Protein backbone atom coordinates (compact mmCIF):
# COMPACT_ATOMS: atom_id res chain seq x y z
CA MET A 1 -7.91 -34.24 27.19
CA LEU A 2 -9.80 -32.61 24.32
CA VAL A 3 -12.31 -29.91 25.14
CA LYS A 4 -15.19 -29.51 22.69
CA ASP A 5 -15.07 -25.68 22.70
CA ASP A 6 -11.30 -25.43 22.39
CA LYS A 7 -10.67 -23.38 19.21
CA ARG A 8 -7.35 -25.13 18.66
CA VAL A 9 -9.00 -28.53 18.62
CA VAL A 10 -11.68 -27.34 16.23
CA ALA A 11 -9.00 -25.78 14.03
CA MET A 12 -7.00 -29.03 14.09
CA PHE A 13 -9.99 -31.03 12.93
CA ASP A 14 -10.81 -28.43 10.26
CA ALA A 15 -7.22 -28.62 9.04
CA VAL A 16 -7.53 -32.37 8.69
CA ILE A 17 -10.83 -32.03 6.82
CA ASP A 18 -9.81 -29.16 4.50
CA PRO A 19 -6.51 -29.72 2.66
CA ASP A 20 -6.13 -25.95 2.12
CA PHE A 21 -5.83 -25.36 5.88
CA ALA A 22 -2.52 -25.35 7.70
CA PHE A 23 -2.27 -25.64 11.46
CA ALA A 24 -0.23 -22.73 12.85
CA THR A 25 2.60 -23.30 15.27
CA ILE A 26 2.91 -21.01 18.28
CA GLU A 27 5.83 -19.33 16.49
CA CYS A 28 3.63 -18.65 13.46
CA GLU A 29 0.75 -17.35 15.61
CA ASN A 30 3.22 -14.99 17.31
CA ALA A 31 4.43 -13.84 13.89
CA VAL A 32 0.83 -13.07 12.84
CA GLU A 33 0.25 -11.02 16.00
CA GLU A 34 3.57 -9.19 15.55
CA LEU A 35 2.74 -8.44 11.91
CA LYS A 36 -0.66 -7.04 12.95
CA LYS A 37 1.11 -4.81 15.48
CA ILE A 38 3.61 -3.61 12.86
CA LYS A 39 0.81 -2.87 10.37
CA ARG A 40 -0.97 -0.75 13.02
CA GLN A 41 2.29 1.13 13.63
CA VAL A 42 2.75 1.67 9.88
CA LYS A 43 -0.76 3.17 9.66
CA MET A 44 0.04 5.53 12.53
CA LEU A 45 3.36 6.51 10.92
CA GLU A 46 1.67 7.10 7.55
CA ALA A 47 -0.92 9.33 9.23
CA ASN A 48 1.86 11.30 10.95
CA ALA A 49 3.76 11.57 7.65
CA ALA A 50 0.64 12.92 5.94
CA LEU A 51 0.21 15.50 8.70
CA MET A 52 3.86 16.59 8.41
CA SER A 53 3.49 16.85 4.63
CA GLU A 54 0.47 19.12 5.03
CA ILE A 55 2.36 21.36 7.45
CA ILE A 56 5.22 21.68 4.96
CA LYS A 57 2.88 22.30 2.01
CA LYS A 58 1.04 24.97 4.00
CA GLU A 59 4.35 26.67 4.76
CA LEU A 60 5.31 26.57 1.07
CA SER A 61 1.93 27.99 0.01
CA ASP A 62 2.34 28.83 -3.69
CA LYS A 63 6.16 28.63 -3.63
CA ASP A 64 8.03 25.55 -4.84
CA THR A 65 11.18 25.61 -2.69
CA LEU A 66 11.55 25.66 1.10
CA VAL A 67 14.80 27.03 2.52
CA GLY A 68 16.09 26.49 6.04
CA ASP A 69 17.60 29.08 8.41
CA ASP A 70 21.08 28.49 6.97
CA GLY A 71 19.87 29.05 3.40
CA THR A 72 19.99 25.44 2.25
CA VAL A 73 17.09 23.90 0.38
CA ILE A 74 15.25 21.53 2.71
CA ALA A 75 12.21 20.68 0.56
CA THR A 76 10.69 21.28 -2.84
CA TYR A 77 7.10 20.99 -4.00
CA LYS A 78 6.95 21.20 -7.78
CA LEU A 79 4.26 20.34 -10.26
CA ALA A 80 5.10 17.19 -12.21
CA GLU A 81 3.73 16.48 -15.66
CA GLY A 82 0.71 14.23 -15.65
CA ARG A 83 1.21 10.79 -17.09
CA VAL A 84 -0.08 9.88 -20.51
CA ASP A 85 -2.53 7.00 -20.48
CA VAL A 86 -4.87 5.20 -22.86
CA ASP A 87 -8.61 5.65 -22.38
CA LYS A 88 -9.58 1.96 -22.30
CA LYS A 89 -13.31 2.60 -22.55
CA LEU A 90 -12.85 4.77 -25.63
CA LEU A 91 -10.50 2.24 -27.21
CA GLN A 92 -12.94 -0.58 -26.52
CA GLU A 93 -15.84 1.43 -27.95
CA PHE A 94 -14.19 2.57 -31.20
CA TYR A 95 -11.62 -0.20 -31.78
CA PRO A 96 -13.00 -3.35 -30.11
CA GLU A 97 -10.78 -5.74 -32.09
CA ALA A 98 -7.61 -3.81 -31.26
CA TYR A 99 -8.72 -3.70 -27.62
CA LYS A 100 -9.23 -7.49 -27.56
CA ASP A 101 -5.87 -8.06 -29.30
CA CYS A 102 -4.08 -5.98 -26.66
CA LEU A 103 -5.60 -7.59 -23.58
CA VAL A 104 -3.04 -9.34 -21.41
CA GLN A 105 -3.82 -11.66 -18.50
CA GLY A 106 -1.82 -10.64 -15.45
CA LYS A 107 0.06 -13.18 -13.39
CA GLY A 108 -1.99 -14.60 -10.53
CA TYR A 109 -0.89 -13.90 -6.99
CA ARG A 110 -1.70 -14.92 -3.45
CA SER A 111 -2.82 -12.34 -0.93
CA LEU A 112 -2.02 -12.64 2.79
CA LEU A 113 -4.96 -11.43 4.89
CA LEU A 114 -4.66 -11.28 8.66
CA LYS A 115 -7.80 -12.11 10.59
């Protein structure tokens, strides 16, 4: 028996109407929920990693090498050279033809968004 307010039924009919819709299996719905859970865990781990990094950087202060109790190097924090880049706005302003000649269209991609 079909219930009017059943989200699954509405989704089924939408999937039939819109060819870009796919009707998820229970396995796929479980995968979406598991992926959401993993992404939340990753965010928590990244926040913890950032906190640990700050603790280590604070300990290093203005030094660039951290040594453990046994004298071995356990971390370094050195200044890297900045990368060299092209100022696109400046290039476009002073050399518009060269700018247009160098434009490259990137490859399109699909993005998975969890709702």
